[in-house]
Amino acid sequence: MILEKMSLKGKTGIVVGASRGLGKGIAIGLAQAGADLAVTSRELKIIEKVAEEIKSWGGEVLPLQVDVARKEDIDVMVDKTMGKFGKIDFLFNNAGRITRVPSEDFSEEDWDEELNVNLKGTFLCCQAVGRVMIKQKRGKIINISSIASFIGGKNISAYVASKGGVSQLTKSLASDWAKYNIRVNAIGPGYFETDLTEPLRKDPKRFSAINARIPLGRWGKPEDLAGIAVFLASDASDYITGQTIFVDGGWLAV
C-alpha cells in the first residue's frame, strides 16, 4: 500500500533547471518512479539531450527552453505543459546561480541577477503553476533551498539571502494555498558534487575542511536527492507542507 502511494505513475510534473546537477538527478528519479515530465533549461539543445536520456525510463518528456528571470518564458512553460499533458501534479523549482565574491566587492548587477533567478524566478514559477493547481484543487510544489538558508556562508551573500528567501517563501505559500489542497515544501541540499560547487572541490583546504565536518564523510551526489524528491511529489507526503527538509549528510547536526 505505501509503495503504491510512492508511485508517480499517471502523474505529470515540471522540473525547472533540469539540464545538469541536482535538477537532472531529481528529474531522473521522478521518471524512474513513473512520472511524465516537462524539463527546462535556458539552453534548448542541452535540455533536449537530457530529455532523451530521461525518456529511457519509459515516461513522456517535454523539453522546454525557459529563463526563469523572464515571466513570459514561465507563462509559455505552463501553457505548453498543459497543452501536452492537461494537468500539472507537481513542480520542482531548481533553477539557480551562485556568485562567490567577498561581500564588500559584490556588484549590484550580480546581486540583482542572483536574486532574480534564485528567488524572484522561484516565486514566478510557483505563482504561474499555483494558479493551475488552484483550479485543479490539488498539487505539490517543491522548491530547492539550501543549508545556506539556515547558516551563513563565505563570500556568497546574495546566494544566502536568496535561499533564505526561498525557505520563507515556501512557508508563506504553504499557508496561503493549503485551502486548495496544495502542499508547498522545500529541499535544502548540503554540499553536493555539482558545477556550482566545483570551485570549492578544487580548493584542497576548503574541500578537506568541509568534508571533515560531514558526518557521513562524503559530499552528496545528485542521485541522493531522488528519494526525497519522489516522496514529496507523491501521495505519501500528503500531510507535509511548509517544511524545508535538509539533505546534507548530517552537516547541520554537528
Protein backbone atom coordinates (compact mmCIF):
# COMPACT_ATOMS: atom_id res chain seq x y z
CA MET A 1 0.00 0.00 0.00
CA ILE A 2 2.71 2.52 0.95
CA LEU A 3 4.70 1.68 -2.16
CA GLU A 4 1.62 2.45 -4.25
CA LYS A 5 1.44 5.88 -2.63
CA MET A 6 5.08 6.48 -3.55
CA SER A 7 4.46 5.71 -7.21
CA LEU A 8 4.24 8.61 -9.64
CA LYS A 9 2.62 6.64 -12.44
CA GLY A 10 -0.11 8.74 -14.04
CA LYS A 11 1.32 11.97 -12.59
CA THR A 12 2.77 14.88 -14.53
CA GLY A 13 5.24 17.46 -13.29
CA ILE A 14 7.69 20.19 -14.23
CA VAL A 15 11.36 20.24 -13.24
CA VAL A 16 12.77 23.73 -13.74
CA GLY A 17 16.53 23.75 -14.22
CA ALA A 18 16.93 20.08 -15.16
CA SER A 19 19.85 20.20 -17.58
CA ARG A 20 22.54 19.17 -15.10
CA GLY A 21 23.42 18.58 -11.47
CA LEU A 22 20.66 18.40 -8.87
CA GLY A 23 17.85 19.15 -11.30
CA LYS A 24 18.86 16.38 -13.66
CA GLY A 25 19.24 13.93 -10.77
CA ILE A 26 15.78 14.84 -9.49
CA ALA A 27 14.21 14.53 -12.95
CA ILE A 28 15.70 11.08 -13.48
CA GLY A 29 14.43 9.92 -10.08
CA LEU A 30 10.92 11.20 -10.84
CA ALA A 31 10.93 9.46 -14.22
CA GLN A 32 12.08 6.22 -12.60
CA ALA A 33 9.06 6.50 -10.29
CA GLY A 34 6.77 6.67 -13.33
CA ALA A 35 6.14 10.38 -13.86
CA ASP A 36 5.69 12.23 -17.14
CA LEU A 37 7.76 15.40 -17.14
CA ALA A 38 8.34 18.81 -18.64
CA VAL A 39 12.00 19.66 -18.11
CA THR A 40 13.52 23.09 -18.62
CA SER A 41 16.81 24.86 -19.17
CA ARG A 42 17.96 28.14 -20.65
CA GLU A 43 19.77 26.08 -23.31
CA LEU A 44 17.40 24.14 -25.56
CA LYS A 45 19.96 21.79 -27.15
CA ILE A 46 21.20 20.64 -23.75
CA ILE A 47 17.75 20.00 -22.30
CA GLU A 48 16.74 18.12 -25.44
CA LYS A 49 19.65 15.71 -24.88
CA VAL A 50 18.69 15.32 -21.22
CA ALA A 51 15.09 14.64 -22.25
CA GLU A 52 16.22 11.77 -24.48
CA GLU A 53 18.11 10.26 -21.53
CA ILE A 54 15.09 10.59 -19.25
CA LYS A 55 12.82 9.01 -21.87
CA SER A 56 14.76 5.76 -21.47
CA TRP A 57 12.77 5.21 -18.26
CA GLY A 58 9.55 5.00 -20.22
CA GLY A 59 7.67 8.21 -19.49
CA GLU A 60 6.76 11.14 -21.70
CA VAL A 61 9.20 14.06 -21.57
CA LEU A 62 8.72 17.60 -22.87
CA PRO A 63 11.94 19.67 -23.14
CA LEU A 64 11.45 23.44 -22.88
CA GLN A 65 13.73 26.47 -23.11
CA VAL A 66 12.95 28.68 -20.11
CA ASP A 67 14.72 31.61 -18.45
CA VAL A 68 13.03 31.98 -15.06
CA ALA A 69 14.01 35.65 -14.94
CA ARG A 70 11.54 36.19 -17.82
CA LYS A 71 7.89 35.95 -16.82
CA GLU A 72 6.84 35.40 -20.43
CA ASP A 73 9.03 32.26 -20.59
CA ILE A 74 7.33 30.90 -17.49
CA ASP A 75 3.87 31.55 -18.92
CA VAL A 76 4.82 29.68 -22.10
CA MET A 77 6.20 26.81 -19.98
CA VAL A 78 2.87 26.42 -18.21
CA ASP A 79 0.85 26.71 -21.43
CA LYS A 80 2.94 24.10 -23.26
CA THR A 81 2.89 21.71 -20.31
CA MET A 82 -0.87 21.96 -20.03
CA GLY A 83 -1.21 21.62 -23.79
CA LYS A 84 0.69 18.33 -23.80
CA PHE A 85 -0.36 16.77 -20.50
CA GLY A 86 -3.56 18.56 -19.48
CA LYS A 87 -2.54 18.88 -15.82
CA ILE A 88 0.36 19.65 -13.50
CA ASP A 89 0.58 17.44 -10.42
CA PHE A 90 3.90 18.77 -9.13
CA LEU A 91 6.54 21.44 -9.72
CA PHE A 92 10.23 21.41 -8.77
CA ASN A 93 11.99 24.79 -8.76
CA ASN A 94 15.70 24.11 -9.18
CA ALA A 95 16.99 26.93 -11.41
CA GLY A 96 19.75 28.82 -9.61
CA ARG A 97 23.11 30.50 -9.73
CA ILE A 98 25.83 31.45 -7.25
CA THR A 99 28.50 34.16 -7.23
CA ARG A 100 31.48 33.76 -4.92
CA VAL A 101 32.75 37.25 -4.17
CA PRO A 102 33.60 38.99 -0.86
CA SER A 103 30.59 40.97 0.28
CA GLU A 104 32.45 44.29 0.14
CA ASP A 105 33.17 43.70 -3.55
CA PHE A 106 29.78 42.30 -4.60
CA SER A 107 28.39 44.23 -7.56
CA GLU A 108 24.81 45.45 -7.72
CA GLU A 109 24.43 43.74 -11.09
CA ASP A 110 25.44 40.34 -9.72
CA TRP A 111 23.21 40.83 -6.67
CA ASP A 112 20.18 41.65 -8.82
CA GLU A 113 20.76 38.76 -11.22
CA GLU A 114 21.18 36.22 -8.43
CA LEU A 115 18.05 37.34 -6.59
CA ASN A 116 16.11 37.47 -9.86
CA VAL A 117 16.95 33.87 -10.72
CA ASN A 118 17.04 32.22 -7.29
CA LEU A 119 14.18 34.00 -5.54
CA LYS A 120 12.06 36.00 -7.97
CA GLY A 121 12.20 33.21 -10.56
CA THR A 122 11.12 30.68 -7.95
CA PHE A 123 8.18 32.86 -6.94
CA LEU A 124 7.07 33.46 -10.54
CA CYS A 125 7.13 29.72 -11.28
CA CYS A 126 5.20 29.00 -8.08
CA GLN A 127 2.67 31.69 -8.96
CA ALA A 128 2.10 30.55 -12.54
CA VAL A 129 1.81 26.86 -11.69
CA GLY A 130 -0.05 27.65 -8.48
CA ARG A 131 -2.86 29.23 -10.49
CA VAL A 132 -3.27 25.96 -12.38
CA MET A 133 -3.19 23.94 -9.17
CA ILE A 134 -5.79 26.20 -7.54
CA LYS A 135 -8.17 25.36 -10.39
CA GLN A 136 -7.30 21.67 -10.02
CA LYS A 137 -7.78 21.89 -6.23
CA ARG A 138 -4.56 19.90 -5.72
CA GLY A 139 -0.82 19.91 -6.34
CA LYS A 140 2.68 19.66 -4.92
CA ILE A 141 5.31 22.39 -5.19
CA ILE A 142 8.87 21.66 -4.14
CA ASN A 143 11.45 24.45 -4.06
CA ILE A 144 15.19 23.88 -3.88
CA SER A 145 16.60 25.84 -0.96
CA SER A 146 19.96 25.11 0.71
CA ILE A 147 21.67 24.68 4.05
CA ALA A 148 22.72 28.27 3.28
CA SER A 149 19.16 29.26 4.21
CA PHE A 150 19.96 28.21 7.77
CA ILE A 151 23.65 29.04 8.16
CA GLY A 152 25.95 31.76 6.85
CA GLY A 153 28.44 31.11 4.09
CA LYS A 154 31.72 32.56 2.94
CA ASN A 155 31.59 35.09 0.12
CA ILE A 156 28.07 34.13 -1.02
CA SER A 157 25.92 36.89 0.47
CA ALA A 158 23.41 37.05 -2.42
CA TYR A 159 23.05 33.28 -2.54
CA VAL A 160 22.44 33.05 1.21
CA ALA A 161 19.88 35.86 1.04
CA SER A 162 18.08 34.24 -1.89
CA LYS A 163 17.92 30.78 -0.34
CA GLY A 164 16.74 32.17 2.98
CA GLY A 165 14.02 33.86 0.98
CA VAL A 166 13.12 30.60 -0.76
CA SER A 167 12.57 28.83 2.58
CA GLN A 168 10.42 31.69 3.88
CA LEU A 169 8.50 31.88 0.61
CA THR A 170 7.82 28.15 0.92
CA LYS A 171 6.20 28.69 4.33
CA SER A 172 4.12 31.60 3.10
CA LEU A 173 2.78 29.79 0.02
CA ALA A 174 2.08 26.67 2.07
CA SER A 175 -0.09 28.76 4.37
CA ASP A 176 -1.82 30.60 1.51
CA TRP A 177 -2.62 27.55 -0.59
CA ALA A 178 -3.35 24.79 1.91
CA LYS A 179 -7.07 25.52 1.46
CA TYR A 180 -6.69 24.48 -2.18
CA ASN A 181 -5.12 21.14 -1.27
CA ILE A 182 -1.71 22.37 -2.46
CA ARG A 183 1.35 21.34 -0.47
CA VAL A 184 4.46 23.53 -0.71
CA ASN A 185 7.77 22.27 0.65
CA ALA A 186 11.47 22.78 0.05
CA ILE A 187 14.56 20.61 -0.07
CA GLY A 188 17.73 22.04 1.47
CA PRO A 189 20.76 20.30 0.00
CA GLY A 190 24.11 20.42 1.75
CA TYR A 191 27.38 20.13 -0.13
CA PHE A 192 26.79 18.27 -3.39
CA GLU A 193 29.02 17.45 -6.35
CA THR A 194 27.70 19.91 -8.96
CA ASP A 195 29.02 22.59 -11.29
CA LEU A 196 28.17 25.24 -8.68
CA THR A 197 30.46 23.66 -6.07
CA GLU A 198 33.35 22.88 -8.42
CA PRO A 199 35.46 25.83 -7.16
CA LEU A 200 35.19 24.52 -3.60
CA ARG A 201 36.09 20.98 -4.61
CA LYS A 202 39.14 22.26 -6.48
CA ASP A 203 40.37 24.10 -3.38
CA PRO A 204 42.19 21.42 -1.30
CA LYS A 205 41.89 23.31 2.00
CA ARG A 206 38.21 24.17 1.64
CA PHE A 207 37.34 20.71 0.36
CA SER A 208 39.11 18.99 3.27
CA ALA A 209 37.56 21.32 5.85
CA ILE A 210 34.05 20.80 4.50
CA ASN A 211 34.43 17.05 4.10
CA ALA A 212 35.78 16.69 7.64
CA ARG A 213 32.59 18.23 9.06
CA ILE A 214 30.16 15.99 7.15
CA PRO A 215 29.32 13.05 9.47
CA LEU A 216 28.71 10.69 6.55
CA GLY A 217 32.19 11.52 5.29
CA ARG A 218 31.38 12.46 1.70
CA TRP A 219 29.71 15.06 -0.48
CA GLY A 220 26.28 14.31 -1.86
CA LYS A 221 25.65 13.19 -5.42
CA PRO A 222 22.63 14.37 -7.46
CA GLU A 223 21.01 10.93 -7.19
CA ASP A 224 20.99 11.32 -3.39
CA LEU A 225 18.06 13.74 -3.80
CA ALA A 226 15.92 11.34 -5.83
CA GLY A 227 14.32 9.65 -2.81
CA ILE A 228 13.15 12.80 -1.06
CA ALA A 229 12.05 14.27 -4.41
CA VAL A 230 9.84 11.28 -5.22
CA PHE A 231 8.45 11.27 -1.67
CA LEU A 232 7.49 14.96 -1.72
CA ALA A 233 5.91 14.67 -5.18
CA SER A 234 3.94 11.56 -4.23
CA ASP A 235 0.76 10.92 -2.24
CA ALA A 236 2.90 9.57 0.61
CA SER A 237 3.73 13.14 1.70
CA ASP A 238 0.18 14.50 1.78
CA TYR A 239 0.37 15.69 5.41
CA ILE A 240 3.62 17.62 4.98
CA THR A 241 3.61 21.28 3.98
CA GLY A 242 5.61 24.42 4.73
CA GLN A 243 8.79 22.49 5.51
CA THR A 244 12.39 22.73 4.38
CA ILE A 245 13.87 19.24 4.58
CA PHE A 246 17.66 19.25 4.71
CA VAL A 247 19.63 16.58 2.85
CA ASP A 248 23.17 17.28 3.99
CA GLY A 249 24.90 14.10 5.17
CA GLY A 250 24.47 15.33 8.76
CA TRP A 251 26.18 18.71 8.30
CA LEU A 252 23.61 20.65 10.36
CA ALA A 253 23.74 18.05 13.16
CA VAL A 254 27.35 18.93 14.02
